[in-house]
Amino acid sequence: MKKPDPELSDADNPEWSDADFARARPAAEVLPVALHEKLGIRRRGPQKAPVKKLITIRLSPEVVDGFRASGPGWQARVDAVLKTWLKTHRA
């Protein structure tokens, strides 16, 4: 670990050590629910639609670039195109 620069050191706010980071917990684990509500922090609720499967797929650069260029939500559009294709190409 690199030694801190004494000119940048602040006795009221010392640099964290590895032990400090190991003890750290996410705010969601330590803050009371009432404070979450006051701050407007909301947790994600249960998923309403069926869960999609996470997979790895190799696509041509033209396909990926074309869908990405169409903006946010491009993966959902790929999914929609494949669903449409399945309707007419059942085994």
PDB file of N, CA and C in Angstrom:
ATOM      1  N   MET A   1       0.845  -1.188   0.000  1.00  0.00           N
ATOM      2  CA  MET A   1       0.000   0.000   0.000  1.00  0.00           C
ATOM      3  C   MET A   1       0.883   1.241   0.000  1.00  0.00           C
ATOM      4  N   LYS A   2       0.523   2.230  -0.792  1.00  0.00           N
ATOM      5  CA  LYS A   2       1.291   3.450  -0.929  1.00  0.00           C
ATOM      6  C   LYS A   2       1.129   4.337   0.304  1.00  0.00           C
ATOM      7  N   LYS A   3       2.225   4.963   0.737  1.00  0.00           N
ATOM      8  CA  LYS A   3       2.144   5.866   1.892  1.00  0.00           C
ATOM      9  C   LYS A   3       1.398   7.133   1.498  1.00  0.00           C
ATOM     10  N   PRO A   4       0.500   7.617   2.379  1.00  0.00           N
ATOM     11  CA  PRO A   4      -0.239   8.835   2.059  1.00  0.00           C
ATOM     12  C   PRO A   4       0.665  10.068   2.102  1.00  0.00           C
ATOM     13  N   ASP A   5       0.356  11.050   1.287  1.00  0.00           N
ATOM     14  CA  ASP A   5       1.079  12.315   1.265  1.00  0.00           C
ATOM     15  C   ASP A   5       0.681  13.101   2.510  1.00  0.00           C
ATOM     16  N   PRO A   6       1.661  13.467   3.382  1.00  0.00           N
ATOM     17  CA  PRO A   6       1.312  14.175   4.625  1.00  0.00           C
ATOM     18  C   PRO A   6       0.580  15.497   4.383  1.00  0.00           C
ATOM     19  N   GLU A   7       0.829  16.143   3.253  1.00  0.00           N
ATOM     20  CA  GLU A   7       0.151  17.410   2.973  1.00  0.00           C
ATOM     21  C   GLU A   7      -1.314  17.203   2.613  1.00  0.00           C
ATOM     22  N   LEU A   8      -1.640  16.009   2.183  1.00  0.00           N
ATOM     23  CA  LEU A   8      -3.022  15.716   1.824  1.00  0.00           C
ATOM     24  C   LEU A   8      -3.766  15.007   2.946  1.00  0.00           C
ATOM     25  N   SER A   9      -3.072  14.681   4.027  1.00  0.00           N
ATOM     26  CA  SER A   9      -3.688  13.963   5.139  1.00  0.00           C
ATOM     27  C   SER A   9      -4.611  14.878   5.924  1.00  0.00           C
ATOM     28  N   ASP A  10      -5.676  14.308   6.419  1.00  0.00           N
ATOM     29  CA  ASP A  10      -6.652  15.034   7.220  1.00  0.00           C
ATOM     30  C   ASP A  10      -6.918  14.193   8.463  1.00  0.00           C
ATOM     31  N   ALA A  11      -6.525  14.684   9.636  1.00  0.00           N
ATOM     32  CA  ALA A  11      -6.668  13.923  10.874  1.00  0.00           C
ATOM     33  C   ALA A  11      -8.134  13.597  11.173  1.00  0.00           C
ATOM     34  N   ASP A  12      -9.062  14.443  10.737  1.00  0.00           N
ATOM     35  CA  ASP A  12     -10.484  14.204  10.980  1.00  0.00           C
ATOM     36  C   ASP A  12     -11.071  13.204   9.982  1.00  0.00           C
ATOM     37  N   ASN A  13     -10.360  12.959   8.901  1.00  0.00           N
ATOM     38  CA  ASN A  13     -10.852  12.058   7.864  1.00  0.00           C
ATOM     39  C   ASN A  13      -9.671  11.252   7.318  1.00  0.00           C
ATOM     40  N   PRO A  14      -9.161  10.304   8.112  1.00  0.00           N
ATOM     41  CA  PRO A  14      -7.970   9.566   7.690  1.00  0.00           C
ATOM     42  C   PRO A  14      -8.247   8.623   6.516  1.00  0.00           C
ATOM     43  N   GLU A  15      -7.187   8.288   5.793  1.00  0.00           N
ATOM     44  CA  GLU A  15      -7.299   7.357   4.682  1.00  0.00           C
ATOM     45  C   GLU A  15      -7.663   5.982   5.220  1.00  0.00           C
ATOM     46  N   TRP A  16      -8.537   5.285   4.515  1.00  0.00           N
ATOM     47  CA  TRP A  16      -8.972   3.961   4.963  1.00  0.00           C
ATOM     48  C   TRP A  16      -7.883   2.926   4.738  1.00  0.00           C
ATOM     49  N   SER A  17      -7.789   2.001   5.672  1.00  0.00           N
ATOM     50  CA  SER A  17      -6.855   0.885   5.546  1.00  0.00           C
ATOM     51  C   SER A  17      -7.605  -0.304   4.945  1.00  0.00           C
ATOM     52  N   ASP A  18      -6.878  -1.365   4.636  1.00  0.00           N
ATOM     53  CA  ASP A  18      -7.521  -2.583   4.130  1.00  0.00           C
ATOM     54  C   ASP A  18      -8.512  -3.134   5.154  1.00  0.00           C
ATOM     55  N   ALA A  19      -8.172  -3.019   6.446  1.00  0.00           N
ATOM     56  CA  ALA A  19      -9.069  -3.498   7.501  1.00  0.00           C
ATOM     57  C   ALA A  19     -10.367  -2.689   7.524  1.00  0.00           C
ATOM     58  N   ASP A  20     -10.266  -1.373   7.292  1.00  0.00           N
ATOM     59  CA  ASP A  20     -11.460  -0.528   7.244  1.00  0.00           C
ATOM     60  C   ASP A  20     -12.392  -0.973   6.105  1.00  0.00           C
ATOM     61  N   PHE A  21     -11.803  -1.222   4.938  1.00  0.00           N
ATOM     62  CA  PHE A  21     -12.612  -1.662   3.801  1.00  0.00           C
ATOM     63  C   PHE A  21     -13.246  -3.025   4.077  1.00  0.00           C
ATOM     64  N   ALA A  22     -12.522  -3.906   4.758  1.00  0.00           N
ATOM     65  CA  ALA A  22     -13.053  -5.241   5.065  1.00  0.00           C
ATOM     66  C   ALA A  22     -14.257  -5.156   6.004  1.00  0.00           C
ATOM     67  N   ARG A  23     -14.269  -4.168   6.899  1.00  0.00           N
ATOM     68  CA  ARG A  23     -15.370  -4.002   7.858  1.00  0.00           C
ATOM     69  C   ARG A  23     -16.568  -3.260   7.260  1.00  0.00           C
ATOM     70  N   ALA A  24     -16.365  -2.576   6.161  1.00  0.00           N
ATOM     71  CA  ALA A  24     -17.414  -1.741   5.569  1.00  0.00           C
ATOM     72  C   ALA A  24     -18.601  -2.590   5.110  1.00  0.00           C
ATOM     73  N   ARG A  25     -19.801  -2.042   5.221  1.00  0.00           N
ATOM     74  CA  ARG A  25     -21.027  -2.700   4.799  1.00  0.00           C
ATOM     75  C   ARG A  25     -21.831  -1.731   3.927  1.00  0.00           C
ATOM     76  N   PRO A  26     -22.616  -2.230   3.002  1.00  0.00           N
ATOM     77  CA  PRO A  26     -23.455  -1.350   2.178  1.00  0.00           C
ATOM     78  C   PRO A  26     -24.454  -0.579   3.039  1.00  0.00           C
ATOM     79  N   ALA A  27     -24.759   0.629   2.614  1.00  0.00           N
ATOM     80  CA  ALA A  27     -25.703   1.466   3.365  1.00  0.00           C
ATOM     81  C   ALA A  27     -27.040   0.761   3.556  1.00  0.00           C
ATOM     82  N   ALA A  28     -27.480   0.001   2.572  1.00  0.00           N
ATOM     83  CA  ALA A  28     -28.767  -0.696   2.661  1.00  0.00           C
ATOM     84  C   ALA A  28     -28.798  -1.667   3.839  1.00  0.00           C
ATOM     85  N   GLU A  29     -27.636  -2.166   4.244  1.00  0.00           N
ATOM     86  CA  GLU A  29     -27.581  -3.112   5.368  1.00  0.00           C
ATOM     87  C   GLU A  29     -27.582  -2.415   6.723  1.00  0.00           C
ATOM     88  N   VAL A  30     -27.123  -1.181   6.771  1.00  0.00           N
ATOM     89  CA  VAL A  30     -26.941  -0.549   8.080  1.00  0.00           C
ATOM     90  C   VAL A  30     -27.883   0.608   8.373  1.00  0.00           C
ATOM     91  N   LEU A  31     -28.471   1.222   7.348  1.00  0.00           N
ATOM     92  CA  LEU A  31     -29.375   2.342   7.587  1.00  0.00           C
ATOM     93  C   LEU A  31     -30.781   1.827   7.888  1.00  0.00           C
ATOM     94  N   PRO A  32     -31.497   2.465   8.795  1.00  0.00           N
ATOM     95  CA  PRO A  32     -32.865   2.039   9.109  1.00  0.00           C
ATOM     96  C   PRO A  32     -33.804   2.277   7.924  1.00  0.00           C
ATOM     97  N   VAL A  33     -34.842   1.450   7.829  1.00  0.00           N
ATOM     98  CA  VAL A  33     -35.810   1.540   6.738  1.00  0.00           C
ATOM     99  C   VAL A  33     -36.462   2.918   6.707  1.00  0.00           C
ATOM    100  N   ALA A  34     -36.741   3.497   7.883  1.00  0.00           N
ATOM    101  CA  ALA A  34     -37.385   4.813   7.941  1.00  0.00           C
ATOM    102  C   ALA A  34     -36.523   5.861   7.237  1.00  0.00           C
ATOM    103  N   LEU A  35     -35.208   5.767   7.375  1.00  0.00           N
ATOM    104  CA  LEU A  35     -34.318   6.720   6.712  1.00  0.00           C
ATOM    105  C   LEU A  35     -34.325   6.488   5.201  1.00  0.00           C
ATOM    106  N   HIS A  36     -34.386   5.243   4.783  1.00  0.00           N
ATOM    107  CA  HIS A  36     -34.487   4.935   3.353  1.00  0.00           C
ATOM    108  C   HIS A  36     -35.720   5.629   2.782  1.00  0.00           C
ATOM    109  N   GLU A  37     -36.844   5.543   3.501  1.00  0.00           N
ATOM    110  CA  GLU A  37     -38.083   6.142   3.028  1.00  0.00           C
ATOM    111  C   GLU A  37     -37.969   7.662   2.941  1.00  0.00           C
ATOM    112  N   LYS A  38     -37.351   8.289   3.961  1.00  0.00           N
ATOM    113  CA  LYS A  38     -37.187   9.746   3.949  1.00  0.00           C
ATOM    114  C   LYS A  38     -36.285  10.199   2.814  1.00  0.00           C
ATOM    115  N   LEU A  39     -35.256   9.415   2.517  1.00  0.00           N
ATOM    116  CA  LEU A  39     -34.322   9.765   1.451  1.00  0.00           C
ATOM    117  C   LEU A  39     -34.852   9.389   0.066  1.00  0.00           C
ATOM    118  N   GLY A  40     -35.947   8.673   0.030  1.00  0.00           N
ATOM    119  CA  GLY A  40     -36.528   8.267  -1.243  1.00  0.00           C
ATOM    120  C   GLY A  40     -35.815   7.086  -1.876  1.00  0.00           C
ATOM    121  N   ILE A  41     -35.089   6.327  -1.066  1.00  0.00           N
ATOM    122  CA  ILE A  41     -34.384   5.141  -1.563  1.00  0.00           C
ATOM    123  C   ILE A  41     -35.375   3.992  -1.586  1.00  0.00           C
ATOM    124  N   ARG A  42     -35.577   3.425  -2.771  1.00  0.00           N
ATOM    125  CA  ARG A  42     -36.519   2.319  -2.895  1.00  0.00           C
ATOM    126  C   ARG A  42     -35.784   1.083  -3.374  1.00  0.00           C
ATOM    127  N   ARG A  43     -36.203  -0.045  -2.873  1.00  0.00           N
ATOM    128  CA  ARG A  43     -35.664  -1.311  -3.337  1.00  0.00           C
ATOM    129  C   ARG A  43     -36.530  -1.809  -4.475  1.00  0.00           C
ATOM    130  N   ARG A  44     -35.915  -2.575  -5.332  1.00  0.00           N
ATOM    131  CA  ARG A  44     -36.658  -3.137  -6.450  1.00  0.00           C
ATOM    132  C   ARG A  44     -37.627  -4.188  -5.926  1.00  0.00           C
ATOM    133  N   GLY A  45     -38.846  -4.118  -6.392  1.00  0.00           N
ATOM    134  CA  GLY A  45     -39.870  -5.077  -5.988  1.00  0.00           C
ATOM    135  C   GLY A  45     -39.724  -6.389  -6.735  1.00  0.00           C
ATOM    136  N   PRO A  46     -40.641  -7.306  -6.467  1.00  0.00           N
ATOM    137  CA  PRO A  46     -40.573  -8.596  -7.151  1.00  0.00           C
ATOM    138  C   PRO A  46     -40.787  -8.415  -8.656  1.00  0.00           C
ATOM    139  N   GLN A  47     -40.139  -9.251  -9.434  1.00  0.00           N
ATOM    140  CA  GLN A  47     -40.243  -9.169 -10.876  1.00  0.00           C
ATOM    141  C   GLN A  47     -41.638  -9.578 -11.318  1.00  0.00           C
ATOM    142  N   LYS A  48     -42.259  -8.783 -12.183  1.00  0.00           N
ATOM    143  CA  LYS A  48     -43.628  -9.027 -12.605  1.00  0.00           C
ATOM    144  C   LYS A  48     -43.693  -9.959 -13.808  1.00  0.00           C
ATOM    145  N   ALA A  49     -42.717  -9.857 -14.696  1.00  0.00           N
ATOM    146  CA  ALA A  49     -42.696 -10.700 -15.894  1.00  0.00           C
ATOM    147  C   ALA A  49     -41.821 -11.927 -15.621  1.00  0.00           C
ATOM    148  N   PRO A  50     -41.975 -12.975 -16.422  1.00  0.00           N
ATOM    149  CA  PRO A  50     -41.118 -14.146 -16.232  1.00  0.00           C
ATOM    150  C   PRO A  50     -39.636 -13.769 -16.350  1.00  0.00           C
ATOM    151  N   VAL A  51     -38.821 -14.439 -15.620  1.00  0.00           N
ATOM    152  CA  VAL A  51     -37.387 -14.153 -15.622  1.00  0.00           C
ATOM    153  C   VAL A  51     -36.780 -14.615 -16.942  1.00  0.00           C
ATOM    154  N   LYS A  52     -35.959 -13.773 -17.522  1.00  0.00           N
ATOM    155  CA  LYS A  52     -35.254 -14.153 -18.745  1.00  0.00           C
ATOM    156  C   LYS A  52     -34.002 -14.928 -18.366  1.00  0.00           C
ATOM    157  N   LYS A  53     -33.512 -15.732 -19.274  1.00  0.00           N
ATOM    158  CA  LYS A  53     -32.314 -16.523 -19.032  1.00  0.00           C
ATOM    159  C   LYS A  53     -31.082 -15.736 -19.487  1.00  0.00           C
ATOM    160  N   LEU A  54     -30.066 -15.727 -18.656  1.00  0.00           N
ATOM    161  CA  LEU A  54     -28.807 -15.097 -19.002  1.00  0.00           C
ATOM    162  C   LEU A  54     -27.979 -16.112 -19.780  1.00  0.00           C
ATOM    163  N   ILE A  55     -27.617 -15.753 -21.021  1.00  0.00           N
ATOM    164  CA  ILE A  55     -26.841 -16.655 -21.867  1.00  0.00           C
ATOM    165  C   ILE A  55     -25.702 -15.884 -22.518  1.00  0.00           C
ATOM    166  N   THR A  56     -24.830 -16.604 -23.181  1.00  0.00           N
ATOM    167  CA  THR A  56     -23.801 -15.990 -24.014  1.00  0.00           C
ATOM    168  C   THR A  56     -24.098 -16.396 -25.444  1.00  0.00           C
ATOM    169  N   ILE A  57     -24.114 -15.431 -26.341  1.00  0.00           N
ATOM    170  CA  ILE A  57     -24.405 -15.697 -27.743  1.00  0.00           C
ATOM    171  C   ILE A  57     -23.425 -14.896 -28.595  1.00  0.00           C
ATOM    172  N   ARG A  58     -22.992 -15.499 -29.686  1.00  0.00           N
ATOM    173  CA  ARG A  58     -22.091 -14.803 -30.610  1.00  0.00           C
ATOM    174  C   ARG A  58     -22.903 -14.343 -31.817  1.00  0.00           C
ATOM    175  N   LEU A  59     -22.852 -13.043 -32.070  1.00  0.00           N
ATOM    176  CA  LEU A  59     -23.560 -12.458 -33.205  1.00  0.00           C
ATOM    177  C   LEU A  59     -22.555 -11.734 -34.089  1.00  0.00           C
ATOM    178  N   SER A  60     -22.906 -11.564 -35.347  1.00  0.00           N
ATOM    179  CA  SER A  60     -22.010 -10.853 -36.263  1.00  0.00           C
ATOM    180  C   SER A  60     -21.916  -9.388 -35.838  1.00  0.00           C
ATOM    181  N   PRO A  61     -20.776  -8.761 -36.115  1.00  0.00           N
ATOM    182  CA  PRO A  61     -20.614  -7.341 -35.746  1.00  0.00           C
ATOM    183  C   PRO A  61     -21.679  -6.448 -36.371  1.00  0.00           C
ATOM    184  N   GLU A  62     -22.119  -6.789 -37.590  1.00  0.00           N
ATOM    185  CA  GLU A  62     -23.136  -5.971 -38.253  1.00  0.00           C
ATOM    186  C   GLU A  62     -24.449  -5.992 -37.464  1.00  0.00           C
ATOM    187  N   VAL A  63     -24.817  -7.156 -36.960  1.00  0.00           N
ATOM    188  CA  VAL A  63     -26.059  -7.282 -36.193  1.00  0.00           C
ATOM    189  C   VAL A  63     -25.952  -6.493 -34.886  1.00  0.00           C
ATOM    190  N   VAL A  64     -24.872  -6.706 -34.159  1.00  0.00           N
ATOM    191  CA  VAL A  64     -24.694  -6.020 -32.869  1.00  0.00           C
ATOM    192  C   VAL A  64     -24.629  -4.515 -33.074  1.00  0.00           C
ATOM    193  N   ASP A  65     -23.806  -4.070 -34.026  1.00  0.00           N
ATOM    194  CA  ASP A  65     -23.665  -2.626 -34.265  1.00  0.00           C
ATOM    195  C   ASP A  65     -24.986  -1.994 -34.692  1.00  0.00           C
ATOM    196  N   GLY A  66     -25.729  -2.703 -35.544  1.00  0.00           N
ATOM    197  CA  GLY A  66     -27.020  -2.175 -35.996  1.00  0.00           C
ATOM    198  C   GLY A  66     -28.011  -2.014 -34.864  1.00  0.00           C
ATOM    199  N   PHE A  67     -28.116  -3.025 -34.005  1.00  0.00           N
ATOM    200  CA  PHE A  67     -29.061  -2.931 -32.884  1.00  0.00           C
ATOM    201  C   PHE A  67     -28.590  -1.920 -31.848  1.00  0.00           C
ATOM    202  N   ARG A  68     -27.294  -1.900 -31.551  1.00  0.00           N
ATOM    203  CA  ARG A  68     -26.790  -0.912 -30.576  1.00  0.00           C
ATOM    204  C   ARG A  68     -27.018   0.514 -31.065  1.00  0.00           C
ATOM    205  N   ALA A  69     -26.862   0.723 -32.357  1.00  0.00           N
ATOM    206  CA  ALA A  69     -27.055   2.064 -32.923  1.00  0.00           C
ATOM    207  C   ALA A  69     -28.504   2.532 -32.769  1.00  0.00           C
ATOM    208  N   SER A  70     -29.423   1.589 -32.577  1.00  0.00           N
ATOM    209  CA  SER A  70     -30.832   1.958 -32.430  1.00  0.00           C
ATOM    210  C   SER A  70     -31.142   2.498 -31.036  1.00  0.00           C
ATOM    211  N   GLY A  71     -30.151   2.497 -30.145  1.00  0.00           N
ATOM    212  CA  GLY A  71     -30.315   3.129 -28.835  1.00  0.00           C
ATOM    213  C   GLY A  71     -30.602   2.162 -27.705  1.00  0.00           C
ATOM    214  N   PRO A  72     -30.875   2.723 -26.511  1.00  0.00           N
ATOM    215  CA  PRO A  72     -31.156   1.899 -25.336  1.00  0.00           C
ATOM    216  C   PRO A  72     -32.317   0.944 -25.598  1.00  0.00           C
ATOM    217  N   GLY A  73     -32.223  -0.241 -25.026  1.00  0.00           N
ATOM    218  CA  GLY A  73     -33.255  -1.246 -25.209  1.00  0.00           C
ATOM    219  C   GLY A  73     -32.972  -2.163 -26.388  1.00  0.00           C
ATOM    220  N   TRP A  74     -31.768  -2.074 -26.928  1.00  0.00           N
ATOM    221  CA  TRP A  74     -31.438  -2.855 -28.131  1.00  0.00           C
ATOM    222  C   TRP A  74     -31.505  -4.355 -27.870  1.00  0.00           C
ATOM    223  N   GLN A  75     -31.142  -4.795 -26.678  1.00  0.00           N
ATOM    224  CA  GLN A  75     -31.195  -6.231 -26.389  1.00  0.00           C
ATOM    225  C   GLN A  75     -32.644  -6.727 -26.366  1.00  0.00           C
ATOM    226  N   ALA A  76     -33.554  -5.908 -25.853  1.00  0.00           N
ATOM    227  CA  ALA A  76     -34.973  -6.270 -25.859  1.00  0.00           C
ATOM    228  C   ALA A  76     -35.483  -6.365 -27.300  1.00  0.00           C
ATOM    229  N   ARG A  77     -34.992  -5.497 -28.187  1.00  0.00           N
ATOM    230  CA  ARG A  77     -35.396  -5.552 -29.586  1.00  0.00           C
ATOM    231  C   ARG A  77     -34.862  -6.806 -30.273  1.00  0.00           C
ATOM    232  N   VAL A  78     -33.640  -7.213 -29.929  1.00  0.00           N
ATOM    233  CA  VAL A  78     -33.111  -8.469 -30.466  1.00  0.00           C
ATOM    234  C   VAL A  78     -34.022  -9.614 -30.021  1.00  0.00           C
ATOM    235  N   ASP A  79     -34.412  -9.608 -28.752  1.00  0.00           N
ATOM    236  CA  ASP A  79     -35.304 -10.632 -28.214  1.00  0.00           C
ATOM    237  C   ASP A  79     -36.632 -10.647 -28.976  1.00  0.00           C
ATOM    238  N   ALA A  80     -37.189  -9.469 -29.239  1.00  0.00           N
ATOM    239  CA  ALA A  80     -38.468  -9.381 -29.954  1.00  0.00           C
ATOM    240  C   ALA A  80     -38.348  -9.924 -31.378  1.00  0.00           C
ATOM    241  N   VAL A  81     -37.251  -9.605 -32.050  1.00  0.00           N
ATOM    242  CA  VAL A  81     -37.039 -10.099 -33.416  1.00  0.00           C
ATOM    243  C   VAL A  81     -36.940 -11.621 -33.417  1.00  0.00           C
ATOM    244  N   LEU A  82     -36.219 -12.180 -32.464  1.00  0.00           N
ATOM    245  CA  LEU A  82     -36.084 -13.634 -32.393  1.00  0.00           C
ATOM    246  C   LEU A  82     -37.416 -14.305 -32.073  1.00  0.00           C
ATOM    247  N   LYS A  83     -38.235 -13.696 -31.222  1.00  0.00           N
ATOM    248  CA  LYS A  83     -39.569 -14.246 -30.932  1.00  0.00           C
ATOM    249  C   LYS A  83     -40.434 -14.258 -32.184  1.00  0.00           C
ATOM    250  N   THR A  84     -40.378 -13.171 -32.960  1.00  0.00           N
ATOM    251  CA  THR A  84     -41.136 -13.094 -34.206  1.00  0.00           C
ATOM    252  C   THR A  84     -40.685 -14.187 -35.181  1.00  0.00           C
ATOM    253  N   TRP A  85     -39.387 -14.370 -35.296  1.00  0.00           N
ATOM    254  CA  TRP A  85     -38.837 -15.396 -36.181  1.00  0.00           C
ATOM    255  C   TRP A  85     -39.328 -16.786 -35.769  1.00  0.00           C
ATOM    256  N   LEU A  86     -39.365 -17.044 -34.440  1.00  0.00           N
ATOM    257  CA  LEU A  86     -39.810 -18.353 -33.950  1.00  0.00           C
ATOM    258  C   LEU A  86     -41.248 -18.684 -34.327  1.00  0.00           C
ATOM    259  N   LYS A  87     -42.096 -17.652 -34.432  1.00  0.00           N
ATOM    260  CA  LYS A  87     -43.509 -17.873 -34.772  1.00  0.00           C
ATOM    261  C   LYS A  87     -43.675 -18.494 -36.150  1.00  0.00           C
ATOM    262  N   THR A  88     -42.750 -18.188 -37.055  1.00  0.00           N
ATOM    263  CA  THR A  88     -42.874 -18.695 -38.425  1.00  0.00           C
ATOM    264  C   THR A  88     -41.865 -19.804 -38.745  1.00  0.00           C
ATOM    265  N   HIS A  89     -41.003 -20.136 -37.837  1.00  0.00           N
ATOM    266  CA  HIS A  89     -39.952 -21.107 -38.111  1.00  0.00           C
ATOM    267  C   HIS A  89     -39.873 -22.196 -37.041  1.00  0.00           C
ATOM    268  N   ARG A  90     -41.001 -22.728 -36.645  1.00  0.00           N
ATOM    269  CA  ARG A  90     -41.004 -23.798 -35.636  1.00  0.00           C
ATOM    270  C   ARG A  90     -40.436 -25.067 -36.241  1.00  0.00           C
ATOM    271  N   ALA A  91     -39.770 -25.854 -35.416  1.00  0.00           N
ATOM    272  CA  ALA A  91     -39.188 -27.127 -35.891  1.00  0.00           C
ATOM    273  C   ALA A  91     -40.255 -28.175 -36.062  1.00  0.00           C
TER     274      ALA A  91
END
